[in-house]
Amino acid sequence: MKNYRWIRGSLAALFLMALTMNVFSAGLMVTRAFTGAWDQVNQESQGLNLQVIARADGSNAAVAYWYTYGNDRKSAWYVGMGEIVDDHVNFELYHSNDVGFMQNGQPGNDSVESIGTMTMSFHDCNSGTVTFDTSLDEVGHGSFEIGRLTDIKNMHCSGGISDNMDGMSMYGEQRIDLLSARDGITGSGHARFEAYSGHSAFEVNTEGLADGSYHLYVGDEDRGTFEVVAGMGELEFASPAESNKPLLTFDPRGMQIRVHDEAGAVLSSFDGTFEEEYHGHDGDNDHMYDCDNDMGGMGGMGGMGGGHGMDDCVEDGDAIEIDMDMTSTGQISGARGEAEWEMTTNHIRFSVEIDNVPAGSYPLMVGGNEVGIIEAHEMMHSGIYGRIMFRDPQTYGGYHLDFDPRSQTIEVMQQGGGVILTVDFPEE
């Protein structure tokens, strides 16, 4: 390691640029996007360099190099090895004693000793507070404010789990049932998790529960409350955050999911959990949704352009959703379906889901054209469910969205003919 003097003045412009990045006051988690140089905004030419790293077991940790000065007014530095806990990092702080310039390396680390602790707590992606407590008289204990100076090239910090997604992988979409967790509960529900590079979403939907307030537990953590009205309830998270969706700062994969009322669990996924492994994919380079293109439609690279007119992009962080229940024609008693269209600043998605139908294959028609087949399967615990998803850019587990379902009639068919579910999908 080398001793560096903190060059504050030359990076001042970068700091001002960083202040224009996305800032939010909601809870967040420290991700790899926090890697960079951080300035002590109220002290002269001092600061830290933070690196969020991955251990061999895949867990995250952090290393910080604190550049400051000693009583002799000469450069001094300390190194911290830390554990990430939500929006802060707890470090053990070390320094090196009695090492000379260009001194030859020696076996062991006798010159390095622990001097105390340091915590970096972040208010948002661009600012935070550092507290420290050391055994060195000239350092002692105290705190200071920090502001971002640099970030990773082409990396947008959201403070949510999407920051840590592998940029060369497609994680896909998963769904699990939520079943009655105690006698007397007749409701049901499901949880859905979607993840790919740059975006993650987690939602829980319930039906048939008594109206009132409920808590959502993921693992042993209470992740929020939601209201059930007319028997229906929903709680959604997204990373980056979207309108009316809290920032997703936790990973639900591998966790049991439960819905609680005041008496305890009413719905549970029991042994059902989202898989933690992901699927490698090089991405969809031929069809890229681009809100910034000037070529009309949904992108100048042959994405959702082609005269569909889907160039009504949204503001950063916002989303447009159309969610319609489908009407049963009576061919299959009790059949239910739902069609959903969503546009954000980095993708468009269209999906149709069906349940309460026999297991089998069901053609999906949009505007009189067959666009795919919905495969309905018996779920892990009970019930038969099918879903098909289209997306631009395409993601693992979905099909490429190269049509506009808006203002079209959407129909779910039986094999061999006959409409079982239908809806006239609106424009907005």
Protein backbone atom coordinates (compact mmCIF):
# COMPACT_ATOMS: atom_id res chain seq x y z
CA MET A 1 0.00 0.00 0.00
CA LYS A 2 1.08 3.55 -0.61
CA ASN A 3 0.62 6.84 1.28
CA TYR A 4 -1.41 9.32 -0.75
CA ARG A 5 -2.24 12.90 0.08
CA TRP A 6 -5.93 13.57 -0.43
CA ILE A 7 -6.31 15.89 -3.43
CA ARG A 8 -9.52 17.72 -2.72
CA GLY A 9 -9.39 20.73 -4.97
CA SER A 10 -8.90 18.83 -8.21
CA LEU A 11 -12.01 16.72 -7.54
CA ALA A 12 -14.32 19.52 -6.44
CA ALA A 13 -16.10 19.58 -9.80
CA LEU A 14 -16.77 15.86 -9.60
CA PHE A 15 -18.32 16.34 -6.17
CA LEU A 16 -20.71 18.98 -7.51
CA MET A 17 -21.68 16.64 -10.35
CA ALA A 18 -22.33 13.83 -7.88
CA LEU A 19 -24.78 15.99 -5.96
CA THR A 20 -27.05 16.01 -9.03
CA MET A 21 -27.48 12.22 -8.92
CA ASN A 22 -30.60 10.49 -7.65
CA VAL A 23 -31.16 11.35 -3.98
CA PHE A 24 -33.86 9.89 -1.76
CA SER A 25 -34.69 9.88 1.93
CA ALA A 26 -36.08 6.34 2.14
CA GLY A 27 -34.17 3.43 3.62
CA LEU A 28 -31.33 2.05 1.56
CA MET A 29 -28.61 -0.59 1.56
CA VAL A 30 -24.89 -0.20 0.90
CA THR A 31 -24.18 -1.73 -2.50
CA ARG A 32 -21.23 -1.90 -4.87
CA ALA A 33 -22.44 1.44 -6.30
CA PHE A 34 -21.14 3.13 -3.11
CA THR A 35 -17.58 2.28 -4.16
CA GLY A 36 -15.61 5.47 -4.80
CA ALA A 37 -13.88 8.45 -3.22
CA TRP A 38 -15.64 10.30 -0.40
CA ASP A 39 -14.66 13.80 0.75
CA GLN A 40 -14.67 15.11 4.33
CA VAL A 41 -16.79 18.09 3.36
CA ASN A 42 -15.90 20.21 6.43
CA GLN A 43 -12.19 19.38 6.65
CA GLU A 44 -9.31 20.40 4.41
CA SER A 45 -7.92 17.85 1.91
CA GLN A 46 -9.03 14.72 3.77
CA GLY A 47 -11.40 11.84 3.03
CA LEU A 48 -11.87 8.15 2.38
CA ASN A 49 -11.77 5.65 -0.44
CA LEU A 50 -14.48 2.98 -0.07
CA GLN A 51 -14.50 -0.37 -1.87
CA VAL A 52 -17.46 -2.75 -1.64
CA ILE A 53 -16.10 -6.22 -2.36
CA ALA A 54 -17.30 -9.82 -2.63
CA ARG A 55 -15.89 -12.60 -0.46
CA ALA A 56 -15.19 -16.07 -1.82
CA ASP A 57 -18.55 -17.26 -0.42
CA GLY A 58 -20.42 -14.55 -2.37
CA SER A 59 -21.22 -12.34 0.65
CA ASN A 60 -20.43 -8.63 0.55
CA ALA A 61 -17.89 -6.77 2.67
CA ALA A 62 -16.12 -3.41 2.50
CA VAL A 63 -12.64 -1.94 2.73
CA ALA A 64 -12.03 1.74 3.50
CA TYR A 65 -8.81 3.77 3.34
CA TRP A 66 -8.94 6.91 5.48
CA TYR A 67 -6.51 9.62 4.35
CA THR A 68 -5.81 12.29 6.95
CA TYR A 69 -2.92 13.95 8.85
CA GLY A 70 -0.99 13.35 12.08
CA ASN A 71 0.11 15.81 14.73
CA ASP A 72 3.28 16.36 12.71
CA ARG A 73 1.04 17.72 9.89
CA LYS A 74 2.29 14.99 7.57
CA SER A 75 0.09 12.59 5.64
CA ALA A 76 -1.33 9.65 7.58
CA TRP A 77 -3.69 6.88 6.60
CA TYR A 78 -5.72 4.13 8.24
CA VAL A 79 -7.43 1.09 6.77
CA GLY A 80 -10.78 -0.39 7.80
CA MET A 81 -12.14 -3.89 7.17
CA GLY A 82 -15.92 -3.83 7.50
CA GLU A 83 -19.24 -5.64 7.60
CA ILE A 84 -22.21 -4.18 5.69
CA VAL A 85 -25.43 -3.85 7.70
CA ASP A 86 -28.27 -2.19 5.76
CA ASP A 87 -27.32 1.50 5.29
CA HIS A 88 -24.00 1.46 7.16
CA VAL A 89 -20.66 -0.32 7.37
CA ASN A 90 -19.01 -1.27 10.66
CA PHE A 91 -15.20 -1.31 10.35
CA GLU A 92 -12.36 -2.46 12.50
CA LEU A 93 -9.70 0.20 12.03
CA TYR A 94 -5.96 -0.54 11.60
CA HIS A 95 -2.78 1.40 11.10
CA SER A 96 0.79 0.54 10.19
CA ASN A 97 3.54 1.57 12.60
CA ASP A 98 7.22 2.33 11.96
CA VAL A 99 7.38 1.51 8.26
CA GLY A 100 9.81 3.50 6.10
CA PHE A 101 9.56 4.76 2.54
CA MET A 102 10.05 1.91 0.01
CA GLN A 103 10.93 -0.47 2.86
CA ASN A 104 11.29 -4.06 1.65
CA GLY A 105 8.40 -6.41 2.35
CA GLN A 106 8.74 -8.72 5.33
CA PRO A 107 6.89 -11.93 6.32
CA GLY A 108 3.87 -11.49 8.57
CA ASN A 109 2.11 -8.25 9.51
CA ASP A 110 3.76 -7.30 12.79
CA SER A 111 3.70 -3.63 11.82
CA VAL A 112 -0.11 -3.58 11.48
CA GLU A 113 -2.27 -3.27 14.59
CA SER A 114 -5.92 -2.60 15.41
CA ILE A 115 -6.58 0.86 16.85
CA GLY A 116 -10.38 0.90 17.19
CA THR A 117 -13.58 1.09 15.17
CA MET A 118 -15.21 3.25 12.50
CA THR A 119 -18.73 3.35 11.08
CA MET A 120 -19.79 4.83 7.76
CA SER A 121 -23.54 5.60 7.78
CA PHE A 122 -25.14 6.79 4.54
CA HIS A 123 -28.04 9.22 4.23
CA ASP A 124 -28.37 8.53 0.50
CA CYS A 125 -26.15 7.64 -2.46
CA ASN A 126 -24.17 10.87 -2.17
CA SER A 127 -23.75 11.74 1.52
CA GLY A 128 -23.23 10.24 4.95
CA THR A 129 -21.64 10.47 8.38
CA VAL A 130 -18.52 8.75 9.72
CA THR A 131 -18.00 8.08 13.43
CA PHE A 132 -14.77 6.71 14.90
CA ASP A 133 -13.39 5.62 18.26
CA THR A 134 -9.69 4.82 18.54
CA SER A 135 -7.00 4.15 21.11
CA LEU A 136 -4.61 6.71 19.56
CA ASP A 137 -4.34 9.97 21.52
CA GLU A 138 -3.88 12.07 18.40
CA VAL A 139 -6.97 10.54 16.71
CA GLY A 140 -9.27 9.84 19.66
CA HIS A 141 -12.96 9.72 18.80
CA GLY A 142 -15.37 11.89 16.87
CA SER A 143 -17.37 12.19 13.66
CA PHE A 144 -17.43 14.01 10.33
CA GLU A 145 -19.69 14.42 7.30
CA ILE A 146 -18.79 12.90 3.93
CA GLY A 147 -19.88 13.59 0.33
CA ARG A 148 -19.30 11.57 -2.80
CA LEU A 149 -16.46 12.62 -5.11
CA THR A 150 -16.33 9.78 -7.63
CA ASP A 151 -18.39 6.79 -8.70
CA ILE A 152 -18.02 3.73 -10.89
CA LYS A 153 -18.21 4.47 -14.61
CA ASN A 154 -21.66 3.69 -16.09
CA MET A 155 -22.97 2.69 -12.64
CA HIS A 156 -26.16 4.30 -11.34
CA CYS A 157 -26.59 4.18 -7.57
CA SER A 158 -30.11 3.39 -6.36
CA GLY A 159 -29.33 2.06 -2.90
CA GLY A 160 -31.38 -1.05 -3.73
CA ILE A 161 -30.50 -4.64 -4.55
CA SER A 162 -30.46 -4.01 -8.31
CA ASP A 163 -27.09 -2.26 -7.83
CA ASN A 164 -25.52 -5.65 -7.04
CA MET A 165 -26.98 -7.57 -9.99
CA ASP A 166 -24.45 -9.07 -12.38
CA GLY A 167 -24.43 -6.90 -15.50
CA MET A 168 -23.91 -9.93 -17.76
CA SER A 169 -26.66 -12.12 -16.28
CA MET A 170 -30.42 -12.47 -16.57
CA TYR A 171 -31.99 -13.69 -13.34
CA GLY A 172 -35.55 -14.07 -14.62
CA GLU A 173 -38.84 -14.23 -12.75
CA GLN A 174 -40.19 -16.56 -10.06
CA ARG A 175 -43.56 -17.04 -8.34
CA ILE A 176 -44.59 -18.96 -5.22
CA ASP A 177 -47.96 -19.58 -3.56
CA LEU A 178 -48.97 -18.25 -0.13
CA LEU A 179 -51.30 -20.65 1.67
CA SER A 180 -53.38 -20.56 4.82
CA ALA A 181 -51.13 -20.67 7.88
CA ARG A 182 -53.76 -21.42 10.55
CA ASP A 183 -57.29 -22.75 11.02
CA GLY A 184 -60.09 -20.42 9.98
CA ILE A 185 -58.11 -18.58 7.29
CA THR A 186 -59.71 -19.03 3.87
CA GLY A 187 -57.63 -16.50 1.94
CA SER A 188 -54.68 -17.15 -0.33
CA GLY A 189 -52.02 -15.24 -2.22
CA HIS A 190 -48.76 -15.36 -4.10
CA ALA A 191 -45.36 -13.68 -4.12
CA ARG A 192 -43.40 -12.75 -7.24
CA PHE A 193 -39.72 -11.85 -7.61
CA GLU A 194 -38.16 -10.49 -10.79
CA ALA A 195 -34.50 -9.61 -11.24
CA TYR A 196 -32.19 -8.71 -14.06
CA SER A 197 -29.31 -6.31 -14.55
CA GLY A 198 -30.38 -2.84 -13.44
CA HIS A 199 -33.81 -3.75 -12.08
CA SER A 200 -35.43 -5.88 -9.36
CA ALA A 201 -39.05 -6.16 -8.23
CA PHE A 202 -40.78 -8.03 -5.41
CA GLU A 203 -44.50 -8.10 -4.76
CA VAL A 204 -47.05 -9.94 -2.62
CA ASN A 205 -50.71 -10.20 -3.59
CA THR A 206 -53.49 -11.59 -1.39
CA GLU A 207 -57.17 -12.31 -1.85
CA GLY A 208 -59.96 -13.54 0.39
CA LEU A 209 -58.53 -12.15 3.64
CA ALA A 210 -60.65 -10.11 6.03
CA ASP A 211 -60.31 -6.37 5.45
CA GLY A 212 -57.72 -4.67 7.64
CA SER A 213 -53.99 -4.06 8.11
CA TYR A 214 -51.40 -6.81 7.62
CA HIS A 215 -47.65 -7.12 8.04
CA LEU A 216 -45.34 -8.72 5.47
CA TYR A 217 -42.50 -10.83 6.87
CA VAL A 218 -39.59 -11.95 4.72
CA GLY A 219 -37.55 -14.39 6.77
CA ASP A 220 -37.73 -13.00 10.31
CA GLU A 221 -37.88 -9.33 9.24
CA ASP A 222 -41.03 -7.20 9.14
CA ARG A 223 -40.81 -5.52 5.72
CA GLY A 224 -43.90 -3.34 5.83
CA THR A 225 -47.67 -3.13 6.19
CA PHE A 226 -50.45 -3.11 3.63
CA GLU A 227 -54.22 -2.79 3.65
CA VAL A 228 -56.70 -5.41 2.50
CA VAL A 229 -59.79 -3.78 1.02
CA ALA A 230 -62.74 -5.76 -0.32
CA GLY A 231 -60.68 -8.91 0.27
CA MET A 232 -57.75 -7.79 -1.93
CA GLY A 233 -54.29 -6.65 -0.80
CA GLU A 234 -50.95 -5.88 -2.40
CA LEU A 235 -47.48 -4.66 -1.43
CA GLU A 236 -44.81 -3.98 -4.07
CA PHE A 237 -41.12 -3.07 -3.91
CA ALA A 238 -38.76 -2.05 -6.73
CA SER A 239 -35.09 -1.25 -7.23
CA PRO A 240 -34.54 1.42 -8.41
CA ALA A 241 -37.55 2.82 -6.54
CA GLU A 242 -40.66 3.60 -8.59
CA SER A 243 -43.76 5.66 -7.92
CA ASN A 244 -45.76 4.18 -5.02
CA LYS A 245 -43.27 1.31 -4.68
CA PRO A 246 -40.79 1.34 -1.75
CA LEU A 247 -37.13 0.80 -2.56
CA LEU A 248 -36.25 -2.92 -2.49
CA THR A 249 -33.34 -3.06 -0.02
CA PHE A 250 -33.52 -6.76 0.87
CA ASP A 251 -33.18 -10.00 -1.07
CA PRO A 252 -36.22 -12.29 -0.67
CA ARG A 253 -34.51 -15.27 -2.34
CA GLY A 254 -34.15 -18.27 -0.06
CA MET A 255 -36.50 -16.72 2.54
CA GLN A 256 -39.86 -17.89 3.84
CA ILE A 257 -42.58 -15.30 3.17
CA ARG A 258 -45.47 -14.75 5.57
CA VAL A 259 -48.42 -12.40 5.98
CA HIS A 260 -49.38 -11.59 9.59
CA ASP A 261 -52.34 -10.07 11.35
CA GLU A 262 -52.38 -9.16 15.06
CA ALA A 263 -52.71 -12.83 16.03
CA GLY A 264 -49.80 -14.08 13.91
CA ALA A 265 -49.29 -15.66 10.49
CA VAL A 266 -52.34 -15.93 8.22
CA LEU A 267 -50.53 -16.88 4.99
CA SER A 268 -47.16 -18.53 4.46
CA SER A 269 -44.96 -19.88 1.67
CA PHE A 270 -43.90 -22.67 4.08
CA ASP A 271 -41.06 -24.55 2.33
CA GLY A 272 -41.54 -22.61 -0.88
CA THR A 273 -38.79 -20.05 -1.51
CA PHE A 274 -37.36 -18.19 -4.48
CA GLU A 275 -34.26 -19.88 -5.91
CA GLU A 276 -30.99 -18.06 -5.29
CA GLU A 277 -29.12 -19.18 -8.39
CA TYR A 278 -29.21 -17.18 -11.60
CA HIS A 279 -28.90 -17.97 -15.28
CA GLY A 280 -26.12 -16.54 -17.44
CA HIS A 281 -27.18 -14.56 -20.48
CA ASP A 282 -25.50 -12.05 -22.74
CA GLY A 283 -28.57 -9.84 -22.90
CA ASP A 284 -30.78 -8.88 -25.82
CA ASN A 285 -28.48 -6.80 -27.97
CA ASP A 286 -30.77 -6.81 -31.02
CA HIS A 287 -33.80 -5.29 -29.32
CA MET A 288 -33.00 -2.50 -26.91
CA TYR A 289 -35.68 -0.26 -25.47
CA ASP A 290 -34.27 3.28 -25.51
CA CYS A 291 -36.25 6.23 -24.23
CA ASP A 292 -33.56 8.63 -25.43
CA ASN A 293 -33.46 7.64 -29.09
CA ASP A 294 -34.56 10.09 -31.78
CA MET A 295 -35.74 7.50 -34.29
CA GLY A 296 -39.32 7.09 -33.05
CA GLY A 297 -41.06 4.06 -31.64
CA MET A 298 -39.39 2.01 -28.95
CA GLY A 299 -35.81 2.17 -30.11
CA GLY A 300 -33.62 2.69 -33.11
CA MET A 301 -32.21 -0.85 -32.99
CA GLY A 302 -35.29 -2.78 -34.12
CA GLY A 303 -36.84 -3.04 -30.66
CA MET A 304 -40.44 -2.01 -30.15
CA GLY A 305 -40.42 0.61 -32.89
CA GLY A 306 -41.70 -0.69 -36.17
CA GLY A 307 -44.66 1.70 -36.21
CA HIS A 308 -46.18 0.68 -32.90
CA GLY A 309 -45.93 4.27 -31.67
CA MET A 310 -44.80 3.24 -28.19
CA ASP A 311 -42.54 6.23 -27.63
CA ASP A 312 -44.46 7.71 -24.67
CA CYS A 313 -41.58 7.34 -22.21
CA VAL A 314 -41.82 8.19 -18.52
CA GLU A 315 -39.77 10.30 -16.16
CA ASP A 316 -36.84 8.69 -14.35
CA GLY A 317 -38.12 6.64 -11.41
CA ASP A 318 -41.75 6.70 -12.57
CA ALA A 319 -43.81 3.88 -14.06
CA ILE A 320 -47.05 3.53 -16.01
CA GLU A 321 -49.18 0.47 -15.34
CA ILE A 322 -52.36 -0.94 -16.87
CA ASP A 323 -53.82 -3.88 -14.93
CA MET A 324 -57.06 -5.49 -16.16
CA ASP A 325 -59.04 -8.50 -14.97
CA MET A 326 -60.15 -10.76 -17.81
CA THR A 327 -63.76 -11.84 -18.24
CA SER A 328 -64.63 -15.53 -18.32
CA THR A 329 -66.78 -16.72 -21.24
CA GLY A 330 -68.07 -19.62 -19.16
CA GLN A 331 -66.35 -22.33 -21.20
CA ILE A 332 -64.32 -23.23 -18.10
CA SER A 333 -66.29 -22.61 -14.93
CA GLY A 334 -64.48 -20.29 -12.52
CA ALA A 335 -61.57 -19.51 -14.88
CA ARG A 336 -59.76 -16.31 -13.96
CA GLY A 337 -57.20 -14.20 -15.74
CA GLU A 338 -55.32 -10.92 -15.51
CA ALA A 339 -53.41 -8.87 -18.11
CA GLU A 340 -50.80 -6.32 -17.07
CA TRP A 341 -48.74 -3.79 -19.03
CA GLU A 342 -45.95 -1.74 -17.44
CA MET A 343 -43.57 0.91 -18.76
CA THR A 344 -40.57 2.25 -16.81
CA THR A 345 -37.53 4.23 -17.94
CA ASN A 346 -35.59 1.06 -18.78
CA HIS A 347 -38.13 -1.52 -19.95
CA ILE A 348 -41.65 -2.34 -21.09
CA ARG A 349 -43.35 -5.52 -19.90
CA PHE A 350 -46.62 -7.23 -20.79
CA SER A 351 -47.89 -10.34 -18.99
CA VAL A 352 -51.01 -12.50 -18.79
CA GLU A 353 -51.68 -14.90 -15.94
CA ILE A 354 -54.48 -17.46 -15.55
CA ASP A 355 -55.65 -19.74 -12.76
CA ASN A 356 -58.53 -21.99 -11.73
CA VAL A 357 -58.22 -23.82 -15.06
CA PRO A 358 -57.19 -27.42 -15.85
CA ALA A 359 -53.49 -28.02 -16.36
CA GLY A 360 -52.58 -27.64 -20.00
CA SER A 361 -51.59 -25.29 -22.84
CA TYR A 362 -53.59 -22.16 -23.66
CA PRO A 363 -52.88 -20.03 -26.77
CA LEU A 364 -52.78 -16.26 -26.17
CA MET A 365 -54.26 -14.01 -28.85
CA VAL A 366 -53.64 -10.25 -29.10
CA GLY A 367 -55.62 -8.42 -31.77
CA GLY A 368 -56.49 -11.69 -33.44
CA ASN A 369 -52.86 -12.87 -33.69
CA GLU A 370 -51.40 -15.71 -31.64
CA VAL A 371 -48.40 -14.32 -29.70
CA GLY A 372 -47.61 -17.25 -27.39
CA ILE A 373 -48.76 -20.25 -25.37
CA ILE A 374 -49.56 -20.08 -21.64
CA GLU A 375 -48.55 -23.29 -19.88
CA ALA A 376 -50.68 -23.90 -16.77
CA HIS A 377 -49.15 -26.19 -14.16
CA GLU A 378 -50.05 -27.48 -10.72
CA MET A 379 -48.19 -25.35 -8.19
CA MET A 380 -45.97 -26.57 -5.35
CA HIS A 381 -48.71 -26.79 -2.75
CA SER A 382 -52.03 -26.51 -4.53
CA GLY A 383 -53.84 -24.84 -7.36
CA ILE A 384 -53.11 -24.59 -11.09
CA TYR A 385 -51.51 -21.44 -12.43
CA GLY A 386 -50.06 -20.23 -15.73
CA ARG A 387 -48.28 -17.07 -16.78
CA ILE A 388 -46.58 -15.73 -19.89
CA MET A 389 -44.38 -12.64 -19.88
CA PHE A 390 -43.07 -10.48 -22.72
CA ARG A 391 -40.43 -7.80 -22.24
CA ASP A 392 -38.29 -5.34 -24.14
CA PRO A 393 -35.35 -5.65 -23.59
CA GLN A 394 -35.90 -9.40 -23.37
CA THR A 395 -35.01 -11.13 -20.12
CA TYR A 396 -34.43 -14.72 -19.07
CA GLY A 397 -37.71 -16.61 -18.71
CA GLY A 398 -39.64 -14.22 -20.96
CA TYR A 399 -40.33 -13.55 -24.61
CA HIS A 400 -39.41 -10.48 -26.61
CA LEU A 401 -42.17 -7.87 -26.64
CA ASP A 402 -42.40 -6.84 -30.29
CA PHE A 403 -46.11 -5.91 -30.34
CA ASP A 404 -48.31 -3.32 -28.63
CA PRO A 405 -51.20 -4.89 -26.67
CA ARG A 406 -52.85 -1.55 -25.90
CA SER A 407 -56.23 -0.92 -27.57
CA GLN A 408 -56.31 -4.59 -28.59
CA THR A 409 -58.62 -7.46 -27.64
CA ILE A 410 -56.71 -10.02 -25.59
CA GLU A 411 -58.01 -13.59 -25.53
CA VAL A 412 -56.96 -16.82 -23.82
CA MET A 413 -58.02 -19.81 -25.92
CA GLN A 414 -58.54 -23.50 -25.40
CA GLN A 415 -56.45 -25.82 -27.52
CA GLY A 416 -58.50 -26.52 -30.59
CA GLY A 417 -60.47 -23.29 -30.37
CA GLY A 418 -62.86 -21.47 -28.11
CA VAL A 419 -62.24 -18.35 -26.02
CA ILE A 420 -62.18 -18.91 -22.25
CA LEU A 421 -61.01 -15.44 -21.10
CA THR A 422 -61.14 -12.07 -22.82
CA VAL A 423 -60.58 -8.35 -22.21
CA ASP A 424 -60.51 -5.23 -24.34
CA PHE A 425 -57.17 -3.80 -23.18
CA PRO A 426 -57.25 0.01 -22.90
CA GLU A 427 -54.81 2.56 -24.34
CA GLU A 428 -54.02 3.99 -20.91
